[in-house]
């Protein structure tokens, strides 16, 4: 695999002065925020996908392929992507840097530790947790009620054993015993804060607003009340700077921040997006899992808070995934079956409908696999033609940028013809139940939203505390439009259940948890970690490497 150009050369061609580049070796670097000051912003293209299946959709691969296709036809383009988490890398997914000839490099480094951002975020989160426990141990004011501590520790691994823990055991000198637990780092509020912050001052303000718990009078206690913000800023000093790498074909790529879309807001950082837009005419970014999760939050949270807008939206689908939504077993998806593709189309139609709810018309990108037949592709092409949707087949996995030229030209033409501003799904000032209802009914197709008794009490309290005007970041199963991960296709006649709420006051959103979704995943029966090793100094078994 090519090692790419020296990263200082990539930065120089973007017009980034060397004093703004902080190299991490010769193939990756951080870029100081000053590098984008005074530069005009280019146009933004969002890539999302239909509901994920075990067959794969290739959202990241398509994003990279599209960018390489644009570069092939002479366009100025950058990528803005999320950082991979060690949890899925060692769990089920096995990496998140694309695939085939549409990958970002250095692949192994990006998937494993990268420039240390996730570790800095984990440390900042856990420093605050340690200061909360120390505050209670020394009975400092404001006195925190140990029964009402909201702040949890995090780790960037899938570890179900840490979901519920007890700390402070061992006697008087060991701390205050209490129940708590761990979330995975991509679901942490510090991750969301870093990704939504628009600069160092904004990062500091957001960290200070973190709600860590309540005192005995049930009054909020914030991170700023504990004197923790300065130390957290120190830990996040370098993490706030976007990371610069490149695709295998040399397209500049800013990879920064990695919140999951099913349990967080699913977008790379605002700063990386703006950095890419400041240094190219076109920026390709992604939001996932499916459009109903990451892309909804991209528009209703990220774009609304940062004042961003899109020039085009790309919806990725595969024949294999449509067959899965059409009821075909995974072991049979390689067999030609145009009728199964047709049965799976309602899921595609639903996501098209979702995109139109924001006032956008998507370009449908068919991520081609070698087993796809002409008849199967024609089913999707005809369905898009009936709805008046631009459509392109992309073979970027096998051919890189050359295989994505058709998609690139289609996106450019569409962006020029349809210049509209997106319409948010709801107004932040609406009551929390109305916001959840609009997302659930419009994005998922649910009939009703049912709140548990606990959720009703929590929602009332959040409103009383003044958090009712925040947007909602719904945590839900990614593999279904419902809150049941086993239901594929486009289900109808279902309700979704909010079992409880969490608050990310610093990030600036309320988190309704639907169904059985958890903020700490577990490892699968056969994790990817079992296939990994270090052989003669080289990493093996890492998917995509």
Protein backbone atom coordinates (compact mmCIF):
# COMPACT_ATOMS: atom_id res chain seq x y z
CA UNK A 1 0.00 0.00 0.00
CA UNK A 2 1.28 3.47 -0.84
CA UNK A 3 2.60 5.57 2.00
CA UNK A 4 1.30 8.76 0.41
CA UNK A 5 2.94 12.14 0.17
CA UNK A 6 4.74 13.75 3.13
CA UNK A 7 2.08 15.44 5.24
CA UNK A 8 3.90 18.79 5.14
CA UNK A 9 3.58 18.69 1.35
CA UNK A 10 -0.17 17.99 1.64
CA UNK A 11 -0.54 20.93 4.02
CA UNK A 12 1.52 23.22 1.82
CA UNK A 13 -0.64 22.44 -1.24
CA UNK A 14 -3.71 23.37 0.80
CA UNK A 15 -2.13 26.73 1.59
CA UNK A 16 -1.53 25.94 5.27
CA UNK A 17 1.56 27.73 6.56
CA UNK A 18 4.16 25.47 8.16
CA UNK A 19 3.91 27.26 11.50
CA UNK A 20 0.29 26.05 11.73
CA UNK A 21 1.24 22.39 11.21
CA UNK A 22 2.15 20.13 14.14
CA UNK A 23 3.57 16.93 12.57
CA UNK A 24 3.05 13.51 14.13
CA UNK A 25 5.73 11.75 12.15
CA UNK A 26 5.88 12.28 8.40
CA UNK A 27 2.36 11.08 7.49
CA UNK A 28 -0.04 12.82 9.86
CA UNK A 29 -0.29 16.17 11.62
CA UNK A 30 -2.45 18.42 13.68
CA UNK A 31 -3.40 21.83 12.31
CA UNK A 32 -3.68 24.89 14.51
CA UNK A 33 -7.05 26.64 14.47
CA UNK A 34 -5.45 29.87 13.25
CA UNK A 35 -4.92 28.21 9.86
CA UNK A 36 -8.54 28.80 8.85
CA UNK A 37 -8.85 32.41 9.97
CA UNK A 38 -9.82 34.84 7.21
CA UNK A 39 -10.32 32.14 4.59
CA UNK A 40 -13.60 31.82 2.62
CA UNK A 41 -15.63 28.66 3.18
CA UNK A 42 -16.22 26.17 0.37
CA UNK A 43 -19.32 24.01 -0.11
CA UNK A 44 -20.33 21.03 2.01
CA UNK A 45 -21.63 17.64 0.81
CA UNK A 46 -23.15 15.21 3.31
CA UNK A 47 -22.97 11.45 2.77
CA UNK A 48 -25.33 9.18 4.69
CA UNK A 49 -26.91 5.77 4.10
CA UNK A 50 -29.94 3.54 4.29
CA UNK A 51 -30.49 1.50 7.47
CA UNK A 52 -27.34 -0.56 8.16
CA UNK A 53 -27.37 -4.32 7.73
CA UNK A 54 -24.85 -7.10 8.24
CA UNK A 55 -24.19 -6.93 4.48
CA UNK A 56 -22.61 -3.47 4.73
CA UNK A 57 -23.41 -0.17 3.02
CA UNK A 58 -20.00 1.51 2.69
CA UNK A 59 -20.79 5.05 3.78
CA UNK A 60 -17.19 5.93 4.67
CA UNK A 61 -15.84 4.13 1.62
CA UNK A 62 -18.27 6.05 -0.60
CA UNK A 63 -17.33 9.37 1.03
CA UNK A 64 -13.67 8.70 0.29
CA UNK A 65 -14.45 7.44 -3.21
CA UNK A 66 -16.56 10.51 -4.00
CA UNK A 67 -13.79 12.83 -2.86
CA UNK A 68 -11.28 10.94 -5.00
CA UNK A 69 -13.70 11.09 -7.93
CA UNK A 70 -13.99 14.87 -7.56
CA UNK A 71 -10.21 15.16 -7.46
CA UNK A 72 -10.00 13.03 -10.63
CA UNK A 73 -12.08 15.60 -12.55
CA UNK A 74 -9.97 18.49 -11.28
CA UNK A 75 -12.05 19.77 -8.36
CA UNK A 76 -10.56 21.21 -5.18
CA UNK A 77 -11.75 18.82 -2.45
CA UNK A 78 -11.13 17.79 1.16
CA UNK A 79 -12.62 15.08 3.35
CA UNK A 80 -13.88 15.62 6.91
CA UNK A 81 -14.41 12.30 8.69
CA UNK A 82 -14.78 10.84 12.17
CA UNK A 83 -11.98 9.13 14.06
CA UNK A 84 -12.37 5.37 14.60
CA UNK A 85 -12.98 4.07 18.12
CA UNK A 86 -10.95 1.21 19.56
CA UNK A 87 -14.23 -0.38 20.69
CA UNK A 88 -15.54 -1.36 17.23
CA UNK A 89 -11.98 -1.79 15.90
CA UNK A 90 -11.38 -4.67 18.32
CA UNK A 91 -15.06 -5.66 18.34
CA UNK A 92 -17.28 -6.29 15.36
CA UNK A 93 -16.40 -3.63 12.80
CA UNK A 94 -12.62 -4.03 12.78
CA UNK A 95 -11.74 -0.50 11.66
CA UNK A 96 -13.31 2.56 10.05
CA UNK A 97 -10.96 3.92 7.41
CA UNK A 98 -12.78 2.81 4.26
CA UNK A 99 -11.90 -0.18 2.11
CA UNK A 100 -10.41 -1.38 -1.16
CA UNK A 101 -9.00 1.55 -3.15
CA UNK A 102 -11.02 4.09 -1.18
CA UNK A 103 -9.24 4.31 2.14
CA UNK A 104 -7.49 6.92 4.25
CA UNK A 105 -3.89 6.45 5.29
CA UNK A 106 -1.94 5.66 7.44
CA UNK A 107 -4.72 3.13 8.04
CA UNK A 108 -3.28 1.30 11.05
CA UNK A 109 -2.32 4.51 12.87
CA UNK A 110 -5.75 6.08 12.28
CA UNK A 111 -7.52 3.01 13.65
CA UNK A 112 -5.17 2.56 16.63
CA UNK A 113 -4.54 5.54 18.94
CA UNK A 114 -3.99 7.99 16.03
CA UNK A 115 -2.79 11.28 17.58
CA UNK A 116 -4.14 10.50 21.03
CA UNK A 117 -7.40 12.47 20.83
CA UNK A 118 -9.56 9.68 22.27
CA UNK A 119 -7.11 9.18 25.12
CA UNK A 120 -7.14 12.91 25.91
CA UNK A 121 -10.94 12.93 25.91
CA UNK A 122 -11.04 9.84 28.13
CA UNK A 123 -8.56 11.42 30.54
CA UNK A 124 -10.43 14.72 30.70
CA UNK A 125 -13.69 12.89 31.39
CA UNK A 126 -12.16 10.69 34.09
CA UNK A 127 -10.27 13.57 35.70
CA UNK A 128 -13.62 15.26 36.26
CA UNK A 129 -14.97 12.00 37.71
CA UNK A 130 -12.00 11.79 40.08
CA UNK A 131 -12.52 15.40 41.14
CA UNK A 132 -16.20 14.70 41.82
CA UNK A 133 -15.30 11.78 44.12
CA UNK A 134 -12.53 13.80 45.77
CA UNK A 135 -14.95 16.70 46.30
CA UNK A 136 -17.35 14.39 48.13
CA UNK A 137 -14.59 12.70 50.13
CA UNK A 138 -13.37 16.04 51.53
CA UNK A 139 -16.94 17.34 51.94
CA UNK A 140 -16.19 20.48 50.01
CA UNK A 141 -18.85 23.00 49.03
CA UNK A 142 -21.11 22.83 47.20
CA UNK A 143 -21.70 19.51 48.94
CA UNK A 144 -22.64 16.82 46.40
CA UNK A 145 -25.25 14.20 47.26
CA UNK A 146 -23.56 10.86 46.37
CA UNK A 147 -26.98 9.46 45.45
CA UNK A 148 -27.37 12.13 42.78
CA UNK A 149 -24.03 12.05 40.96
CA UNK A 150 -24.68 12.14 37.20
CA UNK A 151 -21.11 11.95 35.89
CA UNK A 152 -19.78 8.54 34.80
CA UNK A 153 -16.34 7.36 33.81
CA UNK A 154 -15.52 6.27 30.23
CA UNK A 155 -13.15 3.95 28.39
CA UNK A 156 -12.62 3.50 24.64
CA UNK A 157 -13.29 -0.24 24.60
CA UNK A 158 -16.38 -2.42 24.44
CA UNK A 159 -16.61 -3.75 28.00
CA UNK A 160 -20.07 -4.79 29.18
CA UNK A 161 -18.72 -5.68 32.65
CA UNK A 162 -18.23 -1.97 33.35
CA UNK A 163 -21.77 -0.83 32.60
CA UNK A 164 -22.72 -0.92 36.29
CA UNK A 165 -20.07 -0.61 39.01
CA UNK A 166 -19.66 0.37 42.65
CA UNK A 167 -16.79 2.68 43.64
CA UNK A 168 -15.40 3.79 46.98
CA UNK A 169 -15.31 0.36 48.63
CA UNK A 170 -12.64 -0.63 51.13
CA UNK A 171 -13.21 1.58 54.15
CA UNK A 172 -13.16 5.17 55.27
CA UNK A 173 -9.95 6.15 53.46
CA UNK A 174 -11.04 4.80 50.07
CA UNK A 175 -13.73 7.30 49.16
CA UNK A 176 -17.52 7.53 49.27
CA UNK A 177 -19.24 4.27 48.23
CA UNK A 178 -21.78 4.77 45.47
CA UNK A 179 -23.21 3.14 42.35
CA UNK A 180 -21.93 4.34 39.00
CA UNK A 181 -20.61 2.88 35.74
CA UNK A 182 -18.71 3.40 32.51
CA UNK A 183 -19.79 4.56 29.05
CA UNK A 184 -17.69 4.15 25.91
CA UNK A 185 -15.62 7.25 25.08
CA UNK A 186 -17.46 8.04 21.78
CA UNK A 187 -20.68 8.36 23.82
CA UNK A 188 -19.14 10.72 26.37
CA UNK A 189 -20.22 14.31 26.79
CA UNK A 190 -16.60 15.48 26.51
CA UNK A 191 -16.45 13.90 23.04
CA UNK A 192 -19.66 15.70 22.04
CA UNK A 193 -18.39 18.97 23.50
CA UNK A 194 -15.11 18.76 21.58
CA UNK A 195 -17.00 17.98 18.35
CA UNK A 196 -19.48 20.84 18.71
CA UNK A 197 -17.09 23.48 20.09
CA UNK A 198 -16.29 26.32 17.69
CA UNK A 199 -13.01 27.31 19.33
CA UNK A 200 -11.08 27.24 22.60
CA UNK A 201 -13.31 29.81 24.33
CA UNK A 202 -16.43 27.89 23.34
CA UNK A 203 -14.82 24.62 24.51
CA UNK A 204 -14.13 26.19 27.91
CA UNK A 205 -17.70 27.48 28.25
CA UNK A 206 -19.19 24.10 27.33
CA UNK A 207 -16.96 22.21 29.77
CA UNK A 208 -18.01 24.57 32.54
CA UNK A 209 -21.70 23.83 31.88
CA UNK A 210 -21.35 20.08 32.44
CA UNK A 211 -23.87 18.92 35.06
CA UNK A 212 -22.02 16.51 37.39
CA UNK A 213 -24.79 16.04 39.97
CA UNK A 214 -26.93 17.69 42.61
CA UNK A 215 -26.46 18.85 46.19
CA UNK A 216 -28.68 17.79 49.09
CA UNK A 217 -31.09 20.63 48.25
CA UNK A 218 -31.42 19.13 44.72
CA UNK A 219 -29.66 22.11 43.16
CA UNK A 220 -27.38 21.50 40.14
CA UNK A 221 -23.61 21.22 40.61
CA UNK A 222 -21.55 22.01 37.51
CA UNK A 223 -17.98 21.24 36.49
CA UNK A 224 -17.19 24.93 36.92
CA UNK A 225 -18.25 24.68 40.58
CA UNK A 226 -15.47 22.12 41.17
CA UNK A 227 -12.68 24.14 39.58
CA UNK A 228 -12.16 21.35 37.03
CA UNK A 229 -12.38 23.23 33.75
CA UNK A 230 -8.81 24.55 33.62
CA UNK A 231 -7.28 21.12 34.06
CA UNK A 232 -9.64 19.63 31.47
CA UNK A 233 -8.58 22.35 29.02
CA UNK A 234 -4.95 21.39 29.63
CA UNK A 235 -5.68 17.77 28.76
CA UNK A 236 -7.60 18.81 25.62
CA UNK A 237 -4.98 21.37 24.49
CA UNK A 238 -3.85 19.36 21.48
CA UNK A 239 -7.03 17.31 21.01
CA UNK A 240 -8.98 20.39 19.90
CA UNK A 241 -6.79 20.74 16.79
CA UNK A 242 -8.06 18.83 13.72
CA UNK A 243 -5.89 16.01 12.36
CA UNK A 244 -4.66 16.08 8.76
CA UNK A 245 -3.99 12.88 6.79
CA UNK A 246 -4.82 11.87 3.20
CA UNK A 247 -6.65 9.28 1.15
CA UNK A 248 -4.74 6.59 -0.69
CA UNK A 249 -4.97 8.82 -3.79
CA UNK A 250 -3.73 11.89 -1.94
CA UNK A 251 -7.00 13.71 -1.17
CA UNK A 252 -6.44 15.83 1.98
CA UNK A 253 -8.48 14.45 4.87
CA UNK A 254 -9.30 16.04 8.23
CA UNK A 255 -10.19 13.29 10.71
CA UNK A 256 -11.31 14.62 14.08
CA UNK A 257 -13.74 13.46 16.75
CA UNK A 258 -15.74 10.26 16.72
CA UNK A 259 -19.17 10.25 18.41
CA UNK A 260 -21.33 7.24 17.57
CA UNK A 261 -24.63 8.07 15.89
CA UNK A 262 -26.76 5.56 17.80
CA UNK A 263 -25.71 6.80 21.27
CA UNK A 264 -24.35 10.26 20.44
CA UNK A 265 -24.64 12.76 17.56
CA UNK A 266 -22.63 10.88 14.93
CA UNK A 267 -20.61 13.66 13.25
CA UNK A 268 -16.96 14.69 13.08
CA UNK A 269 -16.01 17.97 14.72
CA UNK A 270 -17.30 21.35 13.62
CA UNK A 271 -13.70 22.59 13.64
CA UNK A 272 -12.52 19.88 11.23
CA UNK A 273 -15.48 20.55 8.94
CA UNK A 274 -14.74 24.26 8.89
CA UNK A 275 -11.01 23.63 8.45
CA UNK A 276 -11.72 21.48 5.39
CA UNK A 277 -14.18 24.03 4.00
CA UNK A 278 -11.60 26.78 4.48
CA UNK A 279 -9.07 24.95 2.32
CA UNK A 280 -11.14 23.53 -0.55
CA UNK A 281 -14.06 24.30 -2.83
CA UNK A 282 -15.78 21.05 -1.84
CA UNK A 283 -15.81 19.26 1.51
CA UNK A 284 -17.18 15.72 1.75
CA UNK A 285 -18.36 14.70 5.20
CA UNK A 286 -20.43 11.82 6.55
CA UNK A 287 -23.06 11.15 9.18
CA UNK A 288 -24.27 7.74 10.16
CA UNK A 289 -25.26 5.07 10.87
CA UNK A 290 -28.39 5.53 8.68
CA UNK A 291 -29.85 8.92 7.80
CA UNK A 292 -32.48 8.55 10.53
CA UNK A 293 -29.77 8.68 13.21
CA UNK A 294 -26.55 10.53 12.35
CA UNK A 295 -27.82 12.71 9.52
CA UNK A 296 -30.90 13.87 11.45
CA UNK A 297 -28.55 14.98 14.25
CA UNK A 298 -26.15 16.46 11.71
CA UNK A 299 -28.88 18.85 10.58
CA UNK A 300 -30.84 19.42 13.81
CA UNK A 301 -27.84 19.68 16.15
CA UNK A 302 -24.55 20.28 14.30
CA UNK A 303 -25.78 22.51 11.47
CA UNK A 304 -28.20 24.39 13.69
CA UNK A 305 -25.59 25.13 16.36
CA UNK A 306 -22.71 25.91 13.99
CA UNK A 307 -24.59 27.66 11.18
CA UNK A 308 -23.61 25.10 8.53
CA UNK A 309 -25.57 24.09 5.43
CA UNK A 310 -25.16 21.53 2.68
CA UNK A 311 -24.81 21.94 -1.08
CA UNK A 312 -25.86 18.32 -1.65
CA UNK A 313 -26.83 15.15 0.21
CA UNK A 314 -25.75 11.69 -0.96
CA UNK A 315 -27.66 8.59 0.15
CA UNK A 316 -25.63 5.37 -0.08
CA UNK A 317 -27.26 2.01 -0.79
CA UNK A 318 -26.04 -1.41 -1.88
CA UNK A 319 -27.76 -4.26 -3.66
CA UNK A 320 -26.68 -6.54 -0.81
CA UNK A 321 -28.26 -4.35 1.87
CA UNK A 322 -31.48 -3.95 -0.10
CA UNK A 323 -31.68 -7.74 -0.36
CA UNK A 324 -31.30 -8.00 3.42
CA UNK A 325 -34.13 -5.50 3.84
CA UNK A 326 -36.04 -7.62 1.34
CA UNK A 327 -35.78 -10.64 3.62
CA UNK A 328 -32.80 -12.51 2.11
CA UNK A 329 -30.50 -14.33 4.54
CA UNK A 330 -26.93 -13.07 4.64
CA UNK A 331 -25.49 -16.34 3.28
CA UNK A 332 -27.71 -15.98 0.19
CA UNK A 333 -27.19 -12.31 -0.69
CA UNK A 334 -24.62 -13.15 -3.37
CA UNK A 335 -27.25 -14.99 -5.41
CA UNK A 336 -28.97 -12.94 -8.17
CA UNK A 337 -32.44 -11.90 -6.99
CA UNK A 338 -33.92 -8.74 -8.52
CA UNK A 339 -37.24 -9.37 -6.78
CA UNK A 340 -35.55 -9.30 -3.37
CA UNK A 341 -33.96 -5.96 -4.27
CA UNK A 342 -37.40 -4.67 -5.14
CA UNK A 343 -38.77 -5.91 -1.80
CA UNK A 344 -36.02 -3.97 -0.02
CA UNK A 345 -36.72 -0.68 -1.79
CA UNK A 346 -39.19 0.62 0.85
CA UNK A 347 -36.25 1.20 3.21
CA UNK A 348 -34.52 3.29 0.54
CA UNK A 349 -37.77 5.18 -0.14
CA UNK A 350 -38.15 5.95 3.58
CA UNK A 351 -34.70 7.52 3.80
CA UNK A 352 -35.37 9.53 0.65
CA UNK A 353 -38.55 10.75 2.34
CA UNK A 354 -36.52 11.63 5.44
CA UNK A 355 -34.05 13.69 3.43
CA UNK A 356 -36.89 15.53 1.71
CA UNK A 357 -38.28 16.40 5.15
CA UNK A 358 -35.25 18.69 5.51
CA UNK A 359 -35.95 20.33 2.15
CA UNK A 360 -33.16 18.40 0.40
CA UNK A 361 -33.24 16.07 -2.62
CA UNK A 362 -30.65 13.30 -2.36
CA UNK A 363 -28.29 11.86 -4.92
CA UNK A 364 -28.62 8.09 -4.57
CA UNK A 365 -25.22 6.40 -4.81
CA UNK A 366 -25.22 2.66 -5.44
CA UNK A 367 -22.01 1.31 -3.92
CA UNK A 368 -21.30 -1.53 -6.33
CA UNK A 369 -20.20 -5.02 -5.30
CA UNK A 370 -18.81 -7.64 -7.66
CA UNK A 371 -21.85 -9.87 -7.23
CA UNK A 372 -24.32 -7.19 -8.38
CA UNK A 373 -26.13 -8.01 -11.62
CA UNK A 374 -27.35 -5.62 -14.30
CA UNK A 375 -30.98 -6.57 -13.59
CA UNK A 376 -30.58 -5.82 -9.88
CA UNK A 377 -28.96 -2.44 -10.55
CA UNK A 378 -31.71 -1.59 -13.00
CA UNK A 379 -34.33 -2.13 -10.28
CA UNK A 380 -32.73 0.64 -8.18
CA UNK A 381 -32.11 2.90 -11.16
CA UNK A 382 -35.76 2.65 -12.25
CA UNK A 383 -36.99 3.29 -8.69
CA UNK A 384 -34.91 6.47 -8.48
CA UNK A 385 -36.10 7.62 -11.90
CA UNK A 386 -39.72 7.23 -10.81
CA UNK A 387 -39.05 9.59 -7.88
CA UNK A 388 -37.04 12.05 -9.95
CA UNK A 389 -33.85 11.33 -8.04
CA UNK A 390 -30.33 11.70 -9.45
CA UNK A 391 -28.66 8.28 -9.40
CA UNK A 392 -25.14 6.98 -9.96
CA UNK A 393 -23.40 3.63 -9.72
CA UNK A 394 -20.02 3.92 -8.03
CA UNK A 395 -17.25 1.33 -8.21
CA UNK A 396 -14.81 3.16 -5.97
CA UNK A 397 -13.96 0.08 -3.88
CA UNK A 398 -12.26 -1.63 -6.83
CA UNK A 399 -11.29 1.38 -8.95
CA UNK A 400 -10.80 4.24 -6.48
CA UNK A 401 -11.44 7.72 -7.85
CA UNK A 402 -11.78 6.46 -11.43
CA UNK A 403 -14.74 4.33 -10.33
CA UNK A 404 -16.47 7.33 -8.71
CA UNK A 405 -16.27 9.85 -11.55
CA UNK A 406 -19.91 9.27 -12.53
CA UNK A 407 -20.97 9.90 -8.93
CA UNK A 408 -18.78 13.00 -8.68
CA UNK A 409 -20.24 14.53 -11.84
CA UNK A 410 -23.77 13.72 -10.70
CA UNK A 411 -23.21 15.40 -7.33
CA UNK A 412 -21.72 18.52 -8.95
CA UNK A 413 -24.58 18.84 -11.41
CA UNK A 414 -27.16 18.34 -8.68
CA UNK A 415 -25.50 20.88 -6.37
CA UNK A 416 -25.62 23.52 -9.09
CA UNK A 417 -29.27 22.84 -9.97
CA UNK A 418 -30.69 22.66 -6.43
CA UNK A 419 -29.38 25.47 -4.25
CA UNK A 420 -31.67 25.47 -1.24
CA UNK A 421 -31.12 25.89 2.49
CA UNK A 422 -32.08 22.96 4.69
CA UNK A 423 -35.16 23.18 6.91
CA UNK A 424 -34.72 21.92 10.50
CA UNK A 425 -37.13 19.25 11.62
CA UNK A 426 -38.13 21.14 14.76
CA UNK A 427 -37.54 24.36 16.65
CA UNK A 428 -35.35 23.97 19.74
CA UNK A 429 -37.84 25.99 21.78
CA UNK A 430 -40.58 23.37 21.32
CA UNK A 431 -41.41 21.15 24.31
CA UNK A 432 -39.26 18.01 24.61
CA UNK A 433 -42.14 15.59 23.81
CA UNK A 434 -42.93 17.51 20.61
CA UNK A 435 -39.31 17.35 19.45
CA UNK A 436 -39.04 13.63 20.10
CA UNK A 437 -42.40 13.08 18.43
CA UNK A 438 -41.40 14.92 15.26
CA UNK A 439 -38.20 12.89 14.93
CA UNK A 440 -39.89 9.57 15.72
CA UNK A 441 -42.84 10.07 13.40
CA UNK A 442 -40.96 11.76 10.55
CA UNK A 443 -37.63 9.90 10.58
CA UNK A 444 -38.63 6.47 11.90
CA UNK A 445 -42.27 6.28 10.80
CA UNK A 446 -43.50 5.58 14.34
CA UNK A 447 -47.14 6.04 15.30
CA UNK A 448 -46.61 7.14 18.89
CA UNK A 449 -43.87 7.84 21.43
CA UNK A 450 -44.40 6.11 24.77
CA UNK A 451 -42.60 7.42 27.86
CA UNK A 452 -41.89 5.23 30.85
CA UNK A 453 -42.82 6.60 34.28
CA UNK A 454 -39.13 7.22 34.95
CA UNK A 455 -38.75 9.10 31.66
CA UNK A 456 -41.78 11.26 32.45
CA UNK A 457 -40.31 12.26 35.82
CA UNK A 458 -36.90 12.95 34.33
CA UNK A 459 -38.35 15.01 31.48
CA UNK A 460 -40.33 17.14 33.91
CA UNK A 461 -37.21 17.75 36.01
CA UNK A 462 -35.10 18.66 32.96
CA UNK A 463 -37.69 21.22 31.94
CA UNK A 464 -37.83 22.67 35.47
CA UNK A 465 -34.04 23.06 35.44
CA UNK A 466 -34.18 25.07 32.21
CA UNK A 467 -32.96 22.42 29.78
CA UNK A 468 -36.22 22.07 27.87
CA UNK A 469 -35.02 24.32 25.03
CA UNK A 470 -32.15 22.01 24.05
CA UNK A 471 -32.32 19.80 20.94
CA UNK A 472 -32.81 16.06 21.37
CA UNK A 473 -30.07 13.56 20.56
CA UNK A 474 -32.03 10.32 20.43
CA UNK A 475 -30.16 7.12 21.32
CA UNK A 476 -31.66 4.22 19.36
CA UNK A 477 -30.81 0.89 17.75
CA UNK A 478 -28.99 1.64 14.45
CA UNK A 479 -30.07 -1.49 12.56
CA UNK A 480 -33.77 -0.69 12.47
CA UNK A 481 -36.06 2.27 11.95
CA UNK A 482 -37.79 1.05 15.12
CA UNK A 483 -36.28 0.74 18.60
CA UNK A 484 -36.03 -3.04 18.06
CA UNK A 485 -32.71 -3.89 16.30
CA UNK A 486 -34.16 -7.12 14.85
CA UNK A 487 -36.73 -5.42 12.59
CA UNK A 488 -35.40 -4.60 9.10
CA UNK A 489 -37.05 -3.06 6.05
CA UNK A 490 -39.61 -0.29 6.44
CA UNK A 491 -41.87 -1.32 9.31
CA UNK A 492 -45.19 0.41 9.92
CA UNK A 493 -47.70 0.56 12.77
CA UNK A 494 -45.20 0.63 15.63
CA UNK A 495 -44.51 2.77 18.69
CA UNK A 496 -41.15 3.68 20.20
CA UNK A 497 -40.50 3.76 23.93
CA UNK A 498 -38.37 6.30 25.80
CA UNK A 499 -37.15 4.40 28.85
CA UNK A 500 -35.09 7.26 30.35
CA UNK A 501 -33.28 10.54 29.71
CA UNK A 502 -29.70 11.69 30.07
CA UNK A 503 -28.45 15.25 29.84
CA UNK A 504 -25.42 16.67 28.04
CA UNK A 505 -25.71 20.24 29.23
CA UNK A 506 -22.24 21.22 28.07
CA UNK A 507 -22.65 19.71 24.63
CA UNK A 508 -26.09 21.28 24.52
CA UNK A 509 -28.59 18.46 24.06
CA UNK A 510 -30.96 16.13 25.86
CA UNK A 511 -30.58 12.37 25.27
CA UNK A 512 -33.75 10.24 25.19
CA UNK A 513 -32.80 6.55 25.39
CA UNK A 514 -35.13 4.40 23.29
CA UNK A 515 -35.76 0.71 23.84
CA UNK A 516 -32.79 -1.27 25.15
CA UNK A 517 -30.01 0.85 23.62
CA UNK A 518 -26.88 1.08 25.81
CA UNK A 519 -24.08 3.65 25.99
CA UNK A 520 -21.48 0.93 26.60
CA UNK A 521 -21.41 -1.80 23.90
CA UNK A 522 -20.21 -5.34 24.50
CA UNK A 523 -17.88 -7.46 22.42
CA UNK A 524 -19.43 -9.98 19.99
CA UNK A 525 -18.93 -13.73 20.40
CA UNK A 526 -15.96 -13.67 18.01
CA UNK A 527 -14.41 -10.18 18.32
CA UNK A 528 -12.01 -8.90 15.69
CA UNK A 529 -9.40 -8.74 18.45
CA UNK A 530 -9.03 -12.53 18.20
CA UNK A 531 -7.75 -12.15 14.63
CA UNK A 532 -5.21 -9.41 15.35
CA UNK A 533 -1.50 -9.76 16.03
CA UNK A 534 1.85 -8.05 15.62
CA UNK A 535 4.04 -9.99 13.19
CA UNK A 536 7.57 -8.77 12.45
CA UNK A 537 6.53 -5.32 13.59
CA UNK A 538 3.47 -5.17 11.32
CA UNK A 539 -0.15 -5.16 12.46
CA UNK A 540 -2.17 -8.02 10.96
CA UNK A 541 -5.87 -8.83 11.23
CA UNK A 542 -7.01 -5.20 11.24
CA UNK A 543 -9.76 -4.91 8.64
CA UNK A 544 -8.94 -2.39 5.93
CA UNK A 545 -5.23 -2.38 6.74
